[in-house]
């Protein structure tokens, strides 16, 4: 979970869902989503929420987005039917350095 979105590996494990809160009154026409193999762009009301590289690759042909109530949900299908859990969705959310507490 980051300040901008929440995410989870979804059983049986071949998908990752990324959830964004939408402003009140926001409709599908106010949303722009581009899902590529290793990059995702999300804009709501013209404001860019995410324009980042994915840590792992997804299958953009099967990945999709939908609106669930007041949330925009990206459903990223892992590449090649992988069910290995993703430790993070976006490269920018990964630690840039490790300290001893990471390995103890």
C-alpha atoms as a PDB file:
ATOM      1  CA  UNK A   1       0.000   0.000   0.000  1.00  0.00           C
ATOM      2  CA  UNK A   2       1.292   3.472  -0.901  1.00  0.00           C
ATOM      3  CA  UNK A   3      -0.207   6.922  -0.376  1.00  0.00           C
ATOM      4  CA  UNK A   4      -1.688   6.862  -3.873  1.00  0.00           C
ATOM      5  CA  UNK A   5      -3.024   3.322  -4.105  1.00  0.00           C
ATOM      6  CA  UNK A   6      -3.535  -0.034  -2.461  1.00  0.00           C
ATOM      7  CA  UNK A   7      -2.615  -3.306  -4.123  1.00  0.00           C
ATOM      8  CA  UNK A   8      -2.688  -7.059  -3.582  1.00  0.00           C
ATOM      9  CA  UNK A   9      -1.817 -10.344  -5.232  1.00  0.00           C
ATOM     10  CA  UNK A  10      -5.212 -11.924  -5.949  1.00  0.00           C
ATOM     11  CA  UNK A  11      -5.910 -15.679  -5.591  1.00  0.00           C
ATOM     12  CA  UNK A  12      -5.251 -17.980  -7.398  1.00  0.00           C
ATOM     13  CA  UNK A  13      -2.200 -15.742  -7.898  1.00  0.00           C
ATOM     14  CA  UNK A  14      -2.061 -14.891 -11.596  1.00  0.00           C
ATOM     15  CA  UNK A  15      -3.381 -11.347 -11.085  1.00  0.00           C
ATOM     16  CA  UNK A  16      -2.476  -8.246  -9.113  1.00  0.00           C
ATOM     17  CA  UNK A  17      -5.149  -5.665  -8.292  1.00  0.00           C
ATOM     18  CA  UNK A  18      -4.238  -2.009  -7.810  1.00  0.00           C
ATOM     19  CA  UNK A  19      -6.929   0.192  -6.278  1.00  0.00           C
ATOM     20  CA  UNK A  20      -7.258   3.990  -6.429  1.00  0.00           C
ATOM     21  CA  UNK A  21      -9.836   6.144  -4.633  1.00  0.00           C
ATOM     22  CA  UNK A  22     -11.783   8.267  -7.089  1.00  0.00           C
ATOM     23  CA  UNK A  23     -13.089  11.768  -6.377  1.00  0.00           C
ATOM     24  CA  UNK A  24     -16.819  12.067  -5.764  1.00  0.00           C
ATOM     25  CA  UNK A  25     -18.834  12.240  -8.987  1.00  0.00           C
ATOM     26  CA  UNK A  26     -15.991  10.848 -11.085  1.00  0.00           C
ATOM     27  CA  UNK A  27     -17.098   8.697 -14.035  1.00  0.00           C
ATOM     28  CA  UNK A  28     -15.373   6.302 -16.434  1.00  0.00           C
ATOM     29  CA  UNK A  29     -15.011   9.120 -18.984  1.00  0.00           C
ATOM     30  CA  UNK A  30     -12.870  11.036 -16.440  1.00  0.00           C
ATOM     31  CA  UNK A  31     -10.398   8.141 -16.248  1.00  0.00           C
ATOM     32  CA  UNK A  32      -7.464   7.434 -18.559  1.00  0.00           C
ATOM     33  CA  UNK A  33      -5.571   4.178 -18.103  1.00  0.00           C
ATOM     34  CA  UNK A  34      -2.757   2.819 -20.265  1.00  0.00           C
ATOM     35  CA  UNK A  35      -1.448  -0.626 -19.362  1.00  0.00           C
ATOM     36  CA  UNK A  36       1.707  -1.747 -21.143  1.00  0.00           C
ATOM     37  CA  UNK A  37       3.911  -4.777 -20.613  1.00  0.00           C
ATOM     38  CA  UNK A  38       6.140  -2.974 -18.103  1.00  0.00           C
ATOM     39  CA  UNK A  39       4.508   0.433 -17.582  1.00  0.00           C
ATOM     40  CA  UNK A  40       1.225   1.835 -16.273  1.00  0.00           C
ATOM     41  CA  UNK A  41      -0.294   5.305 -16.672  1.00  0.00           C
ATOM     42  CA  UNK A  42      -3.343   6.330 -14.605  1.00  0.00           C
ATOM     43  CA  UNK A  43      -5.010   9.741 -14.866  1.00  0.00           C
ATOM     44  CA  UNK A  44      -8.196  10.818 -13.128  1.00  0.00           C
ATOM     45  CA  UNK A  45      -9.743  14.175 -14.066  1.00  0.00           C
ATOM     46  CA  UNK A  46      -6.565  14.991 -15.994  1.00  0.00           C
ATOM     47  CA  UNK A  47      -4.379  14.495 -12.909  1.00  0.00           C
ATOM     48  CA  UNK A  48      -1.633  11.872 -13.247  1.00  0.00           C
ATOM     49  CA  UNK A  49      -1.715   9.458 -10.294  1.00  0.00           C
ATOM     50  CA  UNK A  50       0.717   6.915 -11.697  1.00  0.00           C
ATOM     51  CA  UNK A  51       3.125   7.024 -14.626  1.00  0.00           C
ATOM     52  CA  UNK A  52       5.586   4.348 -13.612  1.00  0.00           C
ATOM     53  CA  UNK A  53       7.517   1.269 -14.575  1.00  0.00           C
ATOM     54  CA  UNK A  54       6.196  -2.033 -13.259  1.00  0.00           C
ATOM     55  CA  UNK A  55       8.581  -4.103 -11.141  1.00  0.00           C
ATOM     56  CA  UNK A  56       7.358  -7.234 -12.975  1.00  0.00           C
ATOM     57  CA  UNK A  57       5.786  -7.659 -16.390  1.00  0.00           C
ATOM     58  CA  UNK A  58       2.090  -8.006 -17.063  1.00  0.00           C
ATOM     59  CA  UNK A  59       0.116  -9.156 -20.088  1.00  0.00           C
ATOM     60  CA  UNK A  60      -1.461  -5.928 -21.406  1.00  0.00           C
ATOM     61  CA  UNK A  61      -3.842  -7.839 -23.713  1.00  0.00           C
ATOM     62  CA  UNK A  62      -5.621  -9.490 -20.775  1.00  0.00           C
ATOM     63  CA  UNK A  63      -5.068  -6.824 -18.099  1.00  0.00           C
ATOM     64  CA  UNK A  64      -7.966  -4.416 -17.612  1.00  0.00           C
ATOM     65  CA  UNK A  65      -9.449  -1.718 -15.421  1.00  0.00           C
ATOM     66  CA  UNK A  66     -12.891  -1.279 -13.922  1.00  0.00           C
ATOM     67  CA  UNK A  67     -14.764   0.984 -11.566  1.00  0.00           C
ATOM     68  CA  UNK A  68     -16.044  -0.582  -8.343  1.00  0.00           C
ATOM     69  CA  UNK A  69     -18.146   1.928  -6.449  1.00  0.00           C
ATOM     70  CA  UNK A  70     -15.834   4.840  -5.636  1.00  0.00           C
ATOM     71  CA  UNK A  71     -12.664   2.963  -6.588  1.00  0.00           C
ATOM     72  CA  UNK A  72     -10.768   2.540  -9.823  1.00  0.00           C
ATOM     73  CA  UNK A  73      -9.295  -0.968  -9.924  1.00  0.00           C
ATOM     74  CA  UNK A  74      -6.549  -2.125 -12.291  1.00  0.00           C
ATOM     75  CA  UNK A  75      -6.442  -5.883 -12.769  1.00  0.00           C
ATOM     76  CA  UNK A  76      -2.943  -6.743 -13.995  1.00  0.00           C
ATOM     77  CA  UNK A  77      -2.589 -10.230 -15.427  1.00  0.00           C
ATOM     78  CA  UNK A  78       0.915 -11.539 -14.681  1.00  0.00           C
ATOM     79  CA  UNK A  79       2.986 -12.367 -17.746  1.00  0.00           C
ATOM     80  CA  UNK A  80       3.134 -15.979 -18.968  1.00  0.00           C
ATOM     81  CA  UNK A  81       0.567 -17.195 -16.409  1.00  0.00           C
ATOM     82  CA  UNK A  82       2.957 -16.623 -13.504  1.00  0.00           C
ATOM     83  CA  UNK A  83       1.529 -17.096 -10.002  1.00  0.00           C
ATOM     84  CA  UNK A  84       4.673 -15.935  -8.180  1.00  0.00           C
ATOM     85  CA  UNK A  85       3.602 -13.169  -5.744  1.00  0.00           C
ATOM     86  CA  UNK A  86       4.795  -9.689  -6.633  1.00  0.00           C
ATOM     87  CA  UNK A  87       6.709  -7.999  -3.765  1.00  0.00           C
ATOM     88  CA  UNK A  88       5.755  -4.586  -5.178  1.00  0.00           C
ATOM     89  CA  UNK A  89       3.886  -3.268  -8.173  1.00  0.00           C
ATOM     90  CA  UNK A  90       5.962  -0.233  -9.165  1.00  0.00           C
ATOM     91  CA  UNK A  91       9.742   0.081  -9.336  1.00  0.00           C
ATOM     92  CA  UNK A  92       9.631   3.422  -7.498  1.00  0.00           C
ATOM     93  CA  UNK A  93       8.120   1.737  -4.408  1.00  0.00           C
ATOM     94  CA  UNK A  94      11.059  -0.634  -4.000  1.00  0.00           C
ATOM     95  CA  UNK A  95      13.745   0.110  -1.461  1.00  0.00           C
ATOM     96  CA  UNK A  96      16.801   1.689  -2.986  1.00  0.00           C
ATOM     97  CA  UNK A  97      19.072   0.282  -0.269  1.00  0.00           C
ATOM     98  CA  UNK A  98      18.964  -2.457   2.308  1.00  0.00           C
ATOM     99  CA  UNK A  99      19.946  -2.344   5.930  1.00  0.00           C
ATOM    100  CA  UNK A 100      20.672  -5.115   8.408  1.00  0.00           C
ATOM    101  CA  UNK A 101      17.061  -5.377   9.557  1.00  0.00           C
ATOM    102  CA  UNK A 102      16.127  -6.567   6.063  1.00  0.00           C
ATOM    103  CA  UNK A 103      18.236  -9.712   6.375  1.00  0.00           C
ATOM    104  CA  UNK A 104      17.833 -10.580  10.057  1.00  0.00           C
END
